[in-house]
Amino acid sequence: MNNKNMFVDTISAINVNNGIVKMNLVAQSSEQPITDDNNPPKFDDLGQITMPLNGFLYMLSVIEGLMKDDKMKDMIQRFQTAGIIPTEQEIKKAQDK
């Protein structure tokens, strides 16, 4: 078994076809200067996770349980207050544009 730990910033895409889920993993490019505030972040492709649909759905149920945890709710609130992640209102406003 090949155990490989990697840091990813986010998932750039999720595709489902014939019961197989593929998630593209990306990290912010080290080529882009940290002070480059005028341009959107550039991302490097790190690879892909491929799993059966039932594994993906189980993962979602684990995440759903995590989102109900008081420690996670507190951490999300602190990150939103610090401006690290958007609030629900900011997300809704962006979606309405």
C-alpha atoms as a PDB file:
ATOM      1  CA  MET A   1       0.000   0.000   0.000  1.00  0.00           C
ATOM      2  CA  ASN A   2       1.273   3.444  -0.913  1.00  0.00           C
ATOM      3  CA  ASN A   3       0.645   5.805   2.020  1.00  0.00           C
ATOM      4  CA  LYS A   4       1.182   9.374   0.961  1.00  0.00           C
ATOM      5  CA  ASN A   5       0.391  12.443   3.021  1.00  0.00           C
ATOM      6  CA  MET A   6      -0.044  15.682   1.134  1.00  0.00           C
ATOM      7  CA  PHE A   7      -1.296  19.155   1.900  1.00  0.00           C
ATOM      8  CA  VAL A   8      -4.000  20.519  -0.410  1.00  0.00           C
ATOM      9  CA  ASP A   9      -5.643  23.930  -0.285  1.00  0.00           C
ATOM     10  CA  THR A  10      -8.898  22.777  -1.811  1.00  0.00           C
ATOM     11  CA  ILE A  11     -10.689  20.556  -4.282  1.00  0.00           C
ATOM     12  CA  SER A  12     -11.009  22.280  -7.656  1.00  0.00           C
ATOM     13  CA  ALA A  13     -13.565  19.931  -9.203  1.00  0.00           C
ATOM     14  CA  ILE A  14     -15.694  16.902  -8.437  1.00  0.00           C
ATOM     15  CA  ASN A  15     -16.905  14.673 -11.255  1.00  0.00           C
ATOM     16  CA  VAL A  16     -19.217  11.668 -11.018  1.00  0.00           C
ATOM     17  CA  ASN A  17     -19.565   9.097 -13.782  1.00  0.00           C
ATOM     18  CA  ASN A  18     -21.019   5.592 -13.555  1.00  0.00           C
ATOM     19  CA  GLY A  19     -20.811   5.524  -9.752  1.00  0.00           C
ATOM     20  CA  ILE A  20     -17.178   6.661  -9.610  1.00  0.00           C
ATOM     21  CA  VAL A  21     -16.320  10.016  -7.997  1.00  0.00           C
ATOM     22  CA  LYS A  22     -13.158  11.890  -8.953  1.00  0.00           C
ATOM     23  CA  MET A  23     -11.950  14.897  -6.967  1.00  0.00           C
ATOM     24  CA  ASN A  24      -9.150  17.106  -8.287  1.00  0.00           C
ATOM     25  CA  LEU A  25      -6.751  18.307  -5.577  1.00  0.00           C
ATOM     26  CA  VAL A  26      -4.949  21.656  -5.820  1.00  0.00           C
ATOM     27  CA  ALA A  27      -2.621  23.868  -3.774  1.00  0.00           C
ATOM     28  CA  GLN A  28      -1.880  27.541  -4.199  1.00  0.00           C
ATOM     29  CA  SER A  29       1.055  27.952  -6.529  1.00  0.00           C
ATOM     30  CA  SER A  30       4.415  28.692  -4.969  1.00  0.00           C
ATOM     31  CA  GLU A  31       5.256  30.571  -8.192  1.00  0.00           C
ATOM     32  CA  GLN A  32       2.835  33.410  -7.369  1.00  0.00           C
ATOM     33  CA  PRO A  33       4.174  36.200  -5.133  1.00  0.00           C
ATOM     34  CA  ILE A  34       2.462  36.469  -1.743  1.00  0.00           C
ATOM     35  CA  THR A  35       1.955  40.209  -2.299  1.00  0.00           C
ATOM     36  CA  ASP A  36       0.101  39.676  -5.606  1.00  0.00           C
ATOM     37  CA  ASP A  37      -3.279  40.907  -4.278  1.00  0.00           C
ATOM     38  CA  ASN A  38      -4.527  42.198  -7.637  1.00  0.00           C
ATOM     39  CA  ASN A  39      -4.766  38.802  -9.298  1.00  0.00           C
ATOM     40  CA  PRO A  40      -6.753  35.716  -8.355  1.00  0.00           C
ATOM     41  CA  PRO A  41      -4.682  32.945  -6.784  1.00  0.00           C
ATOM     42  CA  LYS A  42      -3.016  30.446  -9.104  1.00  0.00           C
ATOM     43  CA  PHE A  43      -3.223  26.774  -8.232  1.00  0.00           C
ATOM     44  CA  ASP A  44      -1.035  23.770  -8.966  1.00  0.00           C
ATOM     45  CA  ASP A  45      -2.684  20.446  -9.761  1.00  0.00           C
ATOM     46  CA  LEU A  46      -1.646  17.884  -7.127  1.00  0.00           C
ATOM     47  CA  GLY A  47      -3.526  14.867  -8.379  1.00  0.00           C
ATOM     48  CA  GLN A  48      -6.858  13.189  -8.042  1.00  0.00           C
ATOM     49  CA  ILE A  49      -8.784  11.097  -5.542  1.00  0.00           C
ATOM     50  CA  THR A  50     -10.944   8.409  -7.127  1.00  0.00           C
ATOM     51  CA  MET A  51     -13.531   6.560  -5.037  1.00  0.00           C
ATOM     52  CA  PRO A  52     -16.804   4.695  -5.409  1.00  0.00           C
ATOM     53  CA  LEU A  53     -20.008   6.667  -4.886  1.00  0.00           C
ATOM     54  CA  ASN A  54     -20.800   4.857  -1.618  1.00  0.00           C
ATOM     55  CA  GLY A  55     -17.405   5.905  -0.194  1.00  0.00           C
ATOM     56  CA  PHE A  56     -18.031   9.501  -1.243  1.00  0.00           C
ATOM     57  CA  LEU A  57     -21.493   9.504   0.364  1.00  0.00           C
ATOM     58  CA  TYR A  58     -20.029   8.072   3.565  1.00  0.00           C
ATOM     59  CA  MET A  59     -17.412  10.843   3.533  1.00  0.00           C
ATOM     60  CA  LEU A  60     -20.216  13.415   3.265  1.00  0.00           C
ATOM     61  CA  SER A  61     -21.969  11.899   6.295  1.00  0.00           C
ATOM     62  CA  VAL A  62     -18.709  12.130   8.273  1.00  0.00           C
ATOM     63  CA  ILE A  63     -18.343  15.796   7.260  1.00  0.00           C
ATOM     64  CA  GLU A  64     -21.983  16.464   8.177  1.00  0.00           C
ATOM     65  CA  GLY A  65     -21.360  15.064  11.664  1.00  0.00           C
ATOM     66  CA  LEU A  66     -18.201  17.143  11.994  1.00  0.00           C
ATOM     67  CA  MET A  67     -20.094  20.317  11.053  1.00  0.00           C
ATOM     68  CA  LYS A  68     -22.496  19.705  13.964  1.00  0.00           C
ATOM     69  CA  ASP A  69     -19.631  19.479  16.477  1.00  0.00           C
ATOM     70  CA  ASP A  70     -19.458  22.464  18.858  1.00  0.00           C
ATOM     71  CA  LYS A  71     -15.658  22.738  18.558  1.00  0.00           C
ATOM     72  CA  MET A  72     -15.921  22.891  14.769  1.00  0.00           C
ATOM     73  CA  LYS A  73     -18.713  25.481  14.936  1.00  0.00           C
ATOM     74  CA  ASP A  74     -16.554  27.604  17.244  1.00  0.00           C
ATOM     75  CA  MET A  75     -13.529  27.313  14.957  1.00  0.00           C
ATOM     76  CA  ILE A  76     -15.598  28.282  11.905  1.00  0.00           C
ATOM     77  CA  GLN A  77     -16.974  31.302  13.783  1.00  0.00           C
ATOM     78  CA  ARG A  78     -13.456  32.408  14.759  1.00  0.00           C
ATOM     79  CA  PHE A  79     -12.201  32.001  11.174  1.00  0.00           C
ATOM     80  CA  GLN A  80     -15.168  34.012   9.856  1.00  0.00           C
ATOM     81  CA  THR A  81     -14.596  36.775  12.417  1.00  0.00           C
ATOM     82  CA  ALA A  82     -10.928  36.928  11.400  1.00  0.00           C
ATOM     83  CA  GLY A  83     -11.908  37.129   7.708  1.00  0.00           C
ATOM     84  CA  ILE A  84     -10.136  33.871   6.840  1.00  0.00           C
ATOM     85  CA  ILE A  85     -13.302  32.238   5.495  1.00  0.00           C
ATOM     86  CA  PRO A  86     -16.503  33.896   4.259  1.00  0.00           C
ATOM     87  CA  THR A  87     -19.687  34.102   6.316  1.00  0.00           C
ATOM     88  CA  GLU A  88     -22.922  32.519   5.084  1.00  0.00           C
ATOM     89  CA  GLN A  89     -24.181  36.008   4.174  1.00  0.00           C
ATOM     90  CA  GLU A  90     -21.060  36.705   2.091  1.00  0.00           C
ATOM     91  CA  ILE A  91     -21.460  33.388   0.278  1.00  0.00           C
ATOM     92  CA  LYS A  92     -25.140  34.087  -0.452  1.00  0.00           C
ATOM     93  CA  LYS A  93     -24.309  37.599  -1.676  1.00  0.00           C
ATOM     94  CA  ALA A  94     -21.659  36.216  -4.041  1.00  0.00           C
ATOM     95  CA  GLN A  95     -24.061  33.547  -5.346  1.00  0.00           C
ATOM     96  CA  ASP A  96     -26.768  36.145  -6.047  1.00  0.00           C
ATOM     97  CA  LYS A  97     -24.480  38.142  -8.369  1.00  0.00           C
END
